Each structure stands twice: as C-alpha cells, then as structure tokens.
C-alpha cells in the first residue's frame, strides 16, 4: 500500500480507494496518522516565542529578508 504525506496507508487501486473513503465517511474505519515529531513541535513553539519577543519593525525586516531570499 502506498503511503500518503502524513503516513496514512491508502489502497493503490481506484475501487479499493473508493471503498476505503466510503468506510471512512461512515465511520467503519479510522485512519491512524503520525503525530508531528518533537522537533517539529519545538520548532513551532520556538518560532512563536521568537515572534512574540520581536517588535513589529523587526518582524517586518525578517519578512522582507525572507522574501528577498525567496524571490531574489
């Protein structure tokens, strides 16, 4: 079975996928997806803490620098 982006296991064939979607919608089956790792959770928490400690001008400067690097 192929794996989706969050680790869900889905049937590869069209009929099997349709049956699984139907079973999921009725509640006969549940998907077990992976929980985010500790690195991901701590990264989100660190980014939130950093944003709270920065002034509006500092956040704007960081955003402009990121946009320049992305589109530069």
Protein backbone atom coordinates (compact mmCIF):
# COMPACT_ATOMS: atom_id res chain seq x y z
CA UNK A 1 0.00 0.00 0.00
CA UNK A 2 1.30 3.46 -0.81
CA UNK A 3 1.70 5.98 1.97
CA UNK A 4 0.25 9.48 1.96
CA UNK A 5 2.05 12.63 3.09
CA UNK A 6 1.11 12.10 6.74
CA UNK A 7 1.83 8.37 6.82
CA UNK A 8 -1.69 7.19 6.03
CA UNK A 9 -1.91 3.93 4.19
CA UNK A 10 -4.18 4.00 1.15
CA UNK A 11 -5.05 1.36 -1.46
CA UNK A 12 -3.38 1.95 -4.83
CA UNK A 13 -6.32 0.80 -6.97
CA UNK A 14 -9.31 3.06 -7.71
CA UNK A 15 -12.01 0.70 -6.41
CA UNK A 16 -10.13 -0.04 -3.20
CA UNK A 17 -9.58 3.67 -2.57
CA UNK A 18 -13.29 4.39 -3.16
CA UNK A 19 -14.32 1.65 -0.75
CA UNK A 20 -11.92 2.96 1.89
CA UNK A 21 -13.23 6.53 1.50
CA UNK A 22 -16.77 5.23 1.93
CA UNK A 23 -15.83 3.27 5.05
CA UNK A 24 -14.05 6.32 6.48
CA UNK A 25 -17.03 8.60 5.84
CA UNK A 26 -19.45 6.21 7.56
CA UNK A 27 -17.11 5.65 10.49
CA UNK A 28 -16.44 1.95 9.99
CA UNK A 29 -12.72 2.62 9.68
CA UNK A 30 -10.32 5.20 11.09
CA UNK A 31 -7.02 6.49 9.74
CA UNK A 32 -4.03 6.41 12.01
CA UNK A 33 -1.79 9.30 11.04
CA UNK A 34 1.60 10.07 12.51
CA UNK A 35 1.83 12.77 15.15
CA UNK A 36 4.36 15.53 14.46
CA UNK A 37 7.79 14.74 15.86
CA UNK A 38 9.26 16.55 18.83
CA UNK A 39 11.48 18.57 16.51
CA UNK A 40 8.50 19.89 14.60
CA UNK A 41 6.57 20.78 17.76
CA UNK A 42 9.55 22.51 19.37
CA UNK A 43 10.28 24.37 16.12
CA UNK A 44 6.74 25.75 16.03
CA UNK A 45 6.94 26.73 19.69
CA UNK A 46 10.31 28.44 19.16
CA UNK A 47 9.04 30.38 16.15
CA UNK A 48 6.00 31.55 18.09
CA UNK A 49 8.15 32.64 21.06
CA UNK A 50 10.55 34.48 18.75
CA UNK A 51 7.69 36.32 17.03
CA UNK A 52 6.20 37.35 20.39
CA UNK A 53 9.54 38.80 21.54
CA UNK A 54 10.17 40.82 18.35
CA UNK A 55 8.80 44.27 17.64
CA UNK A 56 6.65 44.95 14.58
CA UNK A 57 9.60 46.57 12.76
CA UNK A 58 11.87 43.59 13.47
CA UNK A 59 9.25 41.13 12.20
CA UNK A 60 8.82 43.23 9.07
CA UNK A 61 12.58 43.28 8.46
CA UNK A 62 12.81 39.49 8.84
CA UNK A 63 9.89 39.02 6.44
CA UNK A 64 11.45 41.34 3.85
CA UNK A 65 14.76 39.49 4.11
CA UNK A 66 13.00 36.13 3.66
CA UNK A 67 11.05 37.42 0.64
CA UNK A 68 14.24 38.75 -0.92
CA UNK A 69 15.95 35.41 -0.44
CA UNK A 70 12.96 33.54 -1.84
CA UNK A 71 12.34 35.74 -4.89
CA UNK A 72 15.75 37.43 -5.11
